Amino acid sequence: MNIKSGKQFLSIRELTAGGLFAALTAVGAFIKITLPTEPIPMHFTLQWFFVLLAGLLLNKRLAGVSVGVYLLIGLSGVPVFAAGGGPSYLLRPGFGYLLGFAVSAYIMAWMCEWFRILRFSKLLMISVVGLLVYYGIGMIYYFIVCRFLIFQEVTWKILLINGFLVTAGPDFVLCVTAVGAASKLRGAVRDSLYG
């Protein structure tokens, strides 16, 4: 059975997988450590782990959609983000990292489709590219919101330290862990979803 989505069709299995990864990303938001960074505290969560798995296991359309659905649920008011939810979350400096999740999931899935033969080293390289995309979007959004919307003074140096260096190491460990899991699960998941 297929459900029409624009010109493409999503199978029930794809819808289920997309919903599962959206739910896992939401669960990952509640497994967090709040870091007392300046000017605004940051949260280190396990969301990135599930975004990585979505990007490494699903096709590009489904990976981006699963994280996009998670974002829409949070922006509609359901408190699935690390610090709540609702449309006002768009004005939080850390929302850019959530936008980075959607873009990086899509890019990682696209890279997986492009490379085709995926050994551990290639999957790790793809996950690091995703990490850089997610942090790049997050840091730029953080800077813009702080500077121009909430008028909180932040320098690129402070942002680089608090918005990248503090959490990039643990996020890289999540990359290695997710790649290890994805390298074992990828064949079975892809066969189950895409035949």
C-alpha atoms as a PDB file:
ATOM      1  CA  MET A   1       0.000   0.000   0.000  1.00  0.00           C
ATOM      2  CA  ASN A   2       1.300   3.440  -0.910  1.00  0.00           C
ATOM      3  CA  ILE A   3       0.281   6.912   0.202  1.00  0.00           C
ATOM      4  CA  LYS A   4       0.688   9.700  -2.321  1.00  0.00           C
ATOM      5  CA  SER A   5       3.049  12.497  -1.305  1.00  0.00           C
ATOM      6  CA  GLY A   6       3.352  15.026  -4.117  1.00  0.00           C
ATOM      7  CA  LYS A   7       4.565  13.085  -7.133  1.00  0.00           C
ATOM      8  CA  GLN A   8       6.285  10.430  -5.025  1.00  0.00           C
ATOM      9  CA  PHE A   9       4.741   7.557  -3.128  1.00  0.00           C
ATOM     10  CA  LEU A  10       5.657   6.600   0.419  1.00  0.00           C
ATOM     11  CA  SER A  11       5.108   2.996   1.395  1.00  0.00           C
ATOM     12  CA  ILE A  12       3.672   2.092   4.778  1.00  0.00           C
ATOM     13  CA  ARG A  13       7.128   0.810   5.733  1.00  0.00           C
ATOM     14  CA  GLU A  14       8.717   4.141   4.807  1.00  0.00           C
ATOM     15  CA  LEU A  15       6.082   6.087   6.749  1.00  0.00           C
ATOM     16  CA  THR A  16       6.665   3.835   9.745  1.00  0.00           C
ATOM     17  CA  ALA A  17      10.444   4.226   9.530  1.00  0.00           C
ATOM     18  CA  GLY A  18      10.147   8.004   9.163  1.00  0.00           C
ATOM     19  CA  GLY A  19       7.827   8.197  12.163  1.00  0.00           C
ATOM     20  CA  LEU A  20      10.111   5.934  14.176  1.00  0.00           C
ATOM     21  CA  PHE A  21      13.149   8.128  13.542  1.00  0.00           C
ATOM     22  CA  ALA A  22      11.149  11.284  14.338  1.00  0.00           C
ATOM     23  CA  ALA A  23      10.101   9.668  17.640  1.00  0.00           C
ATOM     24  CA  LEU A  24      13.642   8.490  18.417  1.00  0.00           C
ATOM     25  CA  THR A  25      14.975  11.996  17.789  1.00  0.00           C
ATOM     26  CA  ALA A  26      12.362  13.343  20.214  1.00  0.00           C
ATOM     27  CA  VAL A  27      13.376  10.758  22.835  1.00  0.00           C
ATOM     28  CA  GLY A  28      17.011  11.766  22.307  1.00  0.00           C
ATOM     29  CA  ALA A  29      16.124  15.332  23.343  1.00  0.00           C
ATOM     30  CA  PHE A  30      15.226  14.134  26.829  1.00  0.00           C
ATOM     31  CA  ILE A  31      18.574  12.417  27.350  1.00  0.00           C
ATOM     32  CA  LYS A  32      20.558  15.589  27.904  1.00  0.00           C
ATOM     33  CA  ILE A  33      23.270  17.369  29.787  1.00  0.00           C
ATOM     34  CA  THR A  34      22.834  21.135  30.127  1.00  0.00           C
ATOM     35  CA  LEU A  35      26.105  22.999  29.678  1.00  0.00           C
ATOM     36  CA  PRO A  36      26.422  26.391  31.430  1.00  0.00           C
ATOM     37  CA  THR A  37      27.852  28.199  28.405  1.00  0.00           C
ATOM     38  CA  GLU A  38      27.700  31.935  27.764  1.00  0.00           C
ATOM     39  CA  PRO A  39      25.713  33.851  26.708  1.00  0.00           C
ATOM     40  CA  ILE A  40      22.984  31.155  26.674  1.00  0.00           C
ATOM     41  CA  PRO A  41      23.205  27.591  28.060  1.00  0.00           C
ATOM     42  CA  MET A  42      23.545  24.781  25.505  1.00  0.00           C
ATOM     43  CA  HIS A  43      22.199  21.228  25.735  1.00  0.00           C
ATOM     44  CA  PHE A  44      24.181  18.145  24.777  1.00  0.00           C
ATOM     45  CA  THR A  45      21.611  15.499  23.807  1.00  0.00           C
ATOM     46  CA  LEU A  46      21.393  12.146  22.061  1.00  0.00           C
ATOM     47  CA  GLN A  47      19.320  13.651  19.241  1.00  0.00           C
ATOM     48  CA  TRP A  48      22.408  13.732  17.028  1.00  0.00           C
ATOM     49  CA  PHE A  49      22.820   9.950  17.396  1.00  0.00           C
ATOM     50  CA  PHE A  50      19.335   9.312  15.981  1.00  0.00           C
ATOM     51  CA  VAL A  51      19.756  11.940  13.262  1.00  0.00           C
ATOM     52  CA  LEU A  52      22.967  10.150  12.271  1.00  0.00           C
ATOM     53  CA  LEU A  53      21.163   6.815  12.080  1.00  0.00           C
ATOM     54  CA  ALA A  54      18.408   8.378   9.950  1.00  0.00           C
ATOM     55  CA  GLY A  55      20.991   9.843   7.577  1.00  0.00           C
ATOM     56  CA  LEU A  56      23.016   6.642   7.359  1.00  0.00           C
ATOM     57  CA  LEU A  57      20.122   4.156   7.086  1.00  0.00           C
ATOM     58  CA  LEU A  58      17.300   5.906   5.194  1.00  0.00           C
ATOM     59  CA  ASN A  59      17.157   7.380   1.703  1.00  0.00           C
ATOM     60  CA  LYS A  60      17.658  11.131   1.364  1.00  0.00           C
ATOM     61  CA  ARG A  61      13.970  12.001   1.066  1.00  0.00           C
ATOM     62  CA  LEU A  62      12.948   9.945   4.084  1.00  0.00           C
ATOM     63  CA  ALA A  63      15.908  11.042   6.231  1.00  0.00           C
ATOM     64  CA  GLY A  64      15.134  14.721   5.685  1.00  0.00           C
ATOM     65  CA  VAL A  65      11.389  14.194   6.120  1.00  0.00           C
ATOM     66  CA  SER A  66      11.790  12.277   9.398  1.00  0.00           C
ATOM     67  CA  VAL A  67      13.776  15.112  10.982  1.00  0.00           C
ATOM     68  CA  GLY A  68      11.492  17.699   9.357  1.00  0.00           C
ATOM     69  CA  VAL A  69       8.442  16.033  10.923  1.00  0.00           C
ATOM     70  CA  TYR A  70      10.190  16.131  14.296  1.00  0.00           C
ATOM     71  CA  LEU A  71      10.808  19.882  13.851  1.00  0.00           C
ATOM     72  CA  LEU A  72       7.189  20.541  12.832  1.00  0.00           C
ATOM     73  CA  ILE A  73       5.882  18.609  15.842  1.00  0.00           C
ATOM     74  CA  GLY A  74       8.096  20.665  18.149  1.00  0.00           C
ATOM     75  CA  LEU A  75       7.219  23.977  16.517  1.00  0.00           C
ATOM     76  CA  SER A  76       3.514  23.149  16.770  1.00  0.00           C
ATOM     77  CA  GLY A  77       3.844  23.208  20.553  1.00  0.00           C
ATOM     78  CA  VAL A  78       4.610  19.640  21.591  1.00  0.00           C
ATOM     79  CA  PRO A  79       7.595  19.860  23.991  1.00  0.00           C
ATOM     80  CA  VAL A  80       9.910  17.500  22.102  1.00  0.00           C
ATOM     81  CA  PHE A  81      12.928  19.820  21.984  1.00  0.00           C
ATOM     82  CA  ALA A  82      15.574  19.848  24.712  1.00  0.00           C
ATOM     83  CA  ALA A  83      14.067  23.013  26.232  1.00  0.00           C
ATOM     84  CA  GLY A  84      10.383  22.675  25.319  1.00  0.00           C
ATOM     85  CA  GLY A  85       8.624  23.482  22.066  1.00  0.00           C
ATOM     86  CA  GLY A  86       6.353  25.941  20.285  1.00  0.00           C
ATOM     87  CA  PRO A  87       6.776  28.546  17.541  1.00  0.00           C
ATOM     88  CA  SER A  88       8.761  30.830  19.859  1.00  0.00           C
ATOM     89  CA  TYR A  89      11.542  28.242  19.653  1.00  0.00           C
ATOM     90  CA  LEU A  90      12.444  29.846  16.312  1.00  0.00           C
ATOM     91  CA  LEU A  91      13.770  32.805  18.324  1.00  0.00           C
ATOM     92  CA  ARG A  92      16.051  30.652  20.461  1.00  0.00           C
ATOM     93  CA  PRO A  93      19.680  30.752  19.313  1.00  0.00           C
ATOM     94  CA  GLY A  94      20.000  26.971  19.609  1.00  0.00           C
ATOM     95  CA  PHE A  95      17.211  26.300  17.091  1.00  0.00           C
ATOM     96  CA  GLY A  96      19.776  26.529  14.293  1.00  0.00           C
ATOM     97  CA  TYR A  97      21.317  23.291  15.485  1.00  0.00           C
ATOM     98  CA  LEU A  98      17.918  21.623  15.049  1.00  0.00           C
ATOM     99  CA  LEU A  99      17.692  23.011  11.505  1.00  0.00           C
ATOM    100  CA  GLY A 100      21.178  21.636  10.972  1.00  0.00           C
ATOM    101  CA  PHE A 101      19.876  18.186  11.931  1.00  0.00           C
ATOM    102  CA  ALA A 102      17.411  18.156   9.022  1.00  0.00           C
ATOM    103  CA  VAL A 103      19.927  19.405   6.463  1.00  0.00           C
ATOM    104  CA  SER A 104      22.692  17.078   7.640  1.00  0.00           C
ATOM    105  CA  ALA A 105      20.365  14.023   7.652  1.00  0.00           C
ATOM    106  CA  TYR A 106      19.460  14.760   4.032  1.00  0.00           C
ATOM    107  CA  ILE A 107      23.087  15.356   2.991  1.00  0.00           C
ATOM    108  CA  MET A 108      24.355  12.215   4.742  1.00  0.00           C
ATOM    109  CA  ALA A 109      21.644  10.081   3.101  1.00  0.00           C
ATOM    110  CA  TRP A 110      22.423  11.653  -0.287  1.00  0.00           C
ATOM    111  CA  MET A 111      26.127  10.888   0.177  1.00  0.00           C
ATOM    112  CA  CYS A 112      25.314   7.286   1.131  1.00  0.00           C
ATOM    113  CA  GLU A 113      23.287   6.927  -2.076  1.00  0.00           C
ATOM    114  CA  TRP A 114      26.044   8.523  -4.135  1.00  0.00           C
ATOM    115  CA  PHE A 115      28.925   6.387  -2.803  1.00  0.00           C
ATOM    116  CA  ARG A 116      26.956   3.099  -2.879  1.00  0.00           C
ATOM    117  CA  ILE A 117      29.794   0.934  -1.466  1.00  0.00           C
ATOM    118  CA  LEU A 118      29.973   1.944   2.161  1.00  0.00           C
ATOM    119  CA  ARG A 119      32.645   0.635   4.438  1.00  0.00           C
ATOM    120  CA  PHE A 120      33.106   1.860   8.001  1.00  0.00           C
ATOM    121  CA  SER A 121      35.633   4.512   6.929  1.00  0.00           C
ATOM    122  CA  LYS A 122      33.298   6.003   4.292  1.00  0.00           C
ATOM    123  CA  LEU A 123      30.354   6.016   6.688  1.00  0.00           C
ATOM    124  CA  LEU A 124      32.534   7.757   9.274  1.00  0.00           C
ATOM    125  CA  MET A 125      33.611  10.363   6.711  1.00  0.00           C
ATOM    126  CA  ILE A 126      29.950  10.928   5.769  1.00  0.00           C
ATOM    127  CA  SER A 127      28.993  11.331   9.433  1.00  0.00           C
ATOM    128  CA  VAL A 128      31.780  13.883   9.970  1.00  0.00           C
ATOM    129  CA  VAL A 129      30.517  15.865   6.960  1.00  0.00           C
ATOM    130  CA  GLY A 130      27.057  15.751   8.546  1.00  0.00           C
ATOM    131  CA  LEU A 131      28.547  16.907  11.854  1.00  0.00           C
ATOM    132  CA  LEU A 132      30.217  19.896  10.188  1.00  0.00           C
ATOM    133  CA  VAL A 133      27.007  20.833   8.339  1.00  0.00           C
ATOM    134  CA  TYR A 134      24.954  20.596  11.532  1.00  0.00           C
ATOM    135  CA  TYR A 135      27.422  22.692  13.527  1.00  0.00           C
ATOM    136  CA  GLY A 136      27.897  25.198  10.695  1.00  0.00           C
ATOM    137  CA  ILE A 137      24.177  25.900  10.362  1.00  0.00           C
ATOM    138  CA  GLY A 138      23.741  25.913  14.132  1.00  0.00           C
ATOM    139  CA  MET A 139      26.547  28.380  14.783  1.00  0.00           C
ATOM    140  CA  ILE A 140      25.485  30.793  12.041  1.00  0.00           C
ATOM    141  CA  TYR A 141      21.866  30.765  13.249  1.00  0.00           C
ATOM    142  CA  TYR A 142      23.027  31.193  16.864  1.00  0.00           C
ATOM    143  CA  PHE A 143      25.120  34.222  15.924  1.00  0.00           C
ATOM    144  CA  ILE A 144      22.343  35.856  13.877  1.00  0.00           C
ATOM    145  CA  VAL A 145      19.658  35.365  16.538  1.00  0.00           C
ATOM    146  CA  CYS A 146      21.914  36.598  19.347  1.00  0.00           C
ATOM    147  CA  ARG A 147      23.160  39.620  17.440  1.00  0.00           C
ATOM    148  CA  PHE A 148      20.084  40.785  15.560  1.00  0.00           C
ATOM    149  CA  LEU A 149      16.979  39.406  17.278  1.00  0.00           C
ATOM    150  CA  ILE A 150      17.631  39.212  21.001  1.00  0.00           C
ATOM    151  CA  PHE A 151      20.510  41.721  21.017  1.00  0.00           C
ATOM    152  CA  GLN A 152      22.775  39.498  23.088  1.00  0.00           C
ATOM    153  CA  GLU A 153      26.447  40.214  22.466  1.00  0.00           C
ATOM    154  CA  VAL A 154      28.292  37.147  21.203  1.00  0.00           C
ATOM    155  CA  THR A 155      31.622  36.935  19.405  1.00  0.00           C
ATOM    156  CA  TRP A 156      32.675  34.262  16.948  1.00  0.00           C
ATOM    157  CA  LYS A 157      35.417  33.238  19.382  1.00  0.00           C
ATOM    158  CA  ILE A 158      32.946  32.601  22.205  1.00  0.00           C
ATOM    159  CA  LEU A 159      30.617  30.838  19.786  1.00  0.00           C
ATOM    160  CA  LEU A 160      33.416  28.633  18.458  1.00  0.00           C
ATOM    161  CA  ILE A 161      34.409  27.610  21.976  1.00  0.00           C
ATOM    162  CA  ASN A 162      30.923  27.200  23.487  1.00  0.00           C
ATOM    163  CA  GLY A 163      29.006  26.217  20.369  1.00  0.00           C
ATOM    164  CA  PHE A 164      31.521  23.821  18.821  1.00  0.00           C
ATOM    165  CA  LEU A 165      34.580  22.847  20.845  1.00  0.00           C
ATOM    166  CA  VAL A 166      32.658  21.989  24.031  1.00  0.00           C
ATOM    167  CA  THR A 167      30.325  19.485  22.346  1.00  0.00           C
ATOM    168  CA  ALA A 168      32.045  18.422  19.110  1.00  0.00           C
ATOM    169  CA  GLY A 169      34.168  15.779  20.858  1.00  0.00           C
ATOM    170  CA  PRO A 170      31.210  13.947  22.409  1.00  0.00           C
ATOM    171  CA  ASP A 171      29.282  14.339  19.141  1.00  0.00           C
ATOM    172  CA  PHE A 172      32.194  12.726  17.278  1.00  0.00           C
ATOM    173  CA  VAL A 173      31.984   9.784  19.700  1.00  0.00           C
ATOM    174  CA  LEU A 174      28.291   9.563  18.772  1.00  0.00           C
ATOM    175  CA  CYS A 175      29.372   9.552  15.102  1.00  0.00           C
ATOM    176  CA  VAL A 176      31.640   6.554  15.681  1.00  0.00           C
ATOM    177  CA  THR A 177      28.939   4.751  17.672  1.00  0.00           C
ATOM    178  CA  ALA A 178      26.232   5.434  15.075  1.00  0.00           C
ATOM    179  CA  VAL A 179      28.518   4.368  12.221  1.00  0.00           C
ATOM    180  CA  GLY A 180      29.242   1.110  14.059  1.00  0.00           C
ATOM    181  CA  ALA A 181      25.516   0.465  14.433  1.00  0.00           C
ATOM    182  CA  ALA A 182      24.686   1.601  10.886  1.00  0.00           C
ATOM    183  CA  SER A 183      27.361  -0.586   9.311  1.00  0.00           C
ATOM    184  CA  LYS A 184      25.693  -3.623  10.934  1.00  0.00           C
ATOM    185  CA  LEU A 185      22.076  -2.558  10.301  1.00  0.00           C
ATOM    186  CA  ARG A 186      22.293  -0.828   6.919  1.00  0.00           C
ATOM    187  CA  GLY A 187      21.804  -3.874   4.689  1.00  0.00           C
ATOM    188  CA  ALA A 188      18.831  -5.231   6.626  1.00  0.00           C
ATOM    189  CA  VAL A 189      17.117  -1.844   6.949  1.00  0.00           C
ATOM    190  CA  ARG A 190      17.612  -0.943   3.285  1.00  0.00           C
ATOM    191  CA  ASP A 191      16.360  -4.383   2.144  1.00  0.00           C
ATOM    192  CA  SER A 192      13.319  -4.095   4.403  1.00  0.00           C
ATOM    193  CA  LEU A 193      12.424  -0.580   3.246  1.00  0.00           C
ATOM    194  CA  TYR A 194      13.458  -0.508  -0.388  1.00  0.00           C
ATOM    195  CA  GLY A 195      13.498  -4.140  -1.469  1.00  0.00           C
END
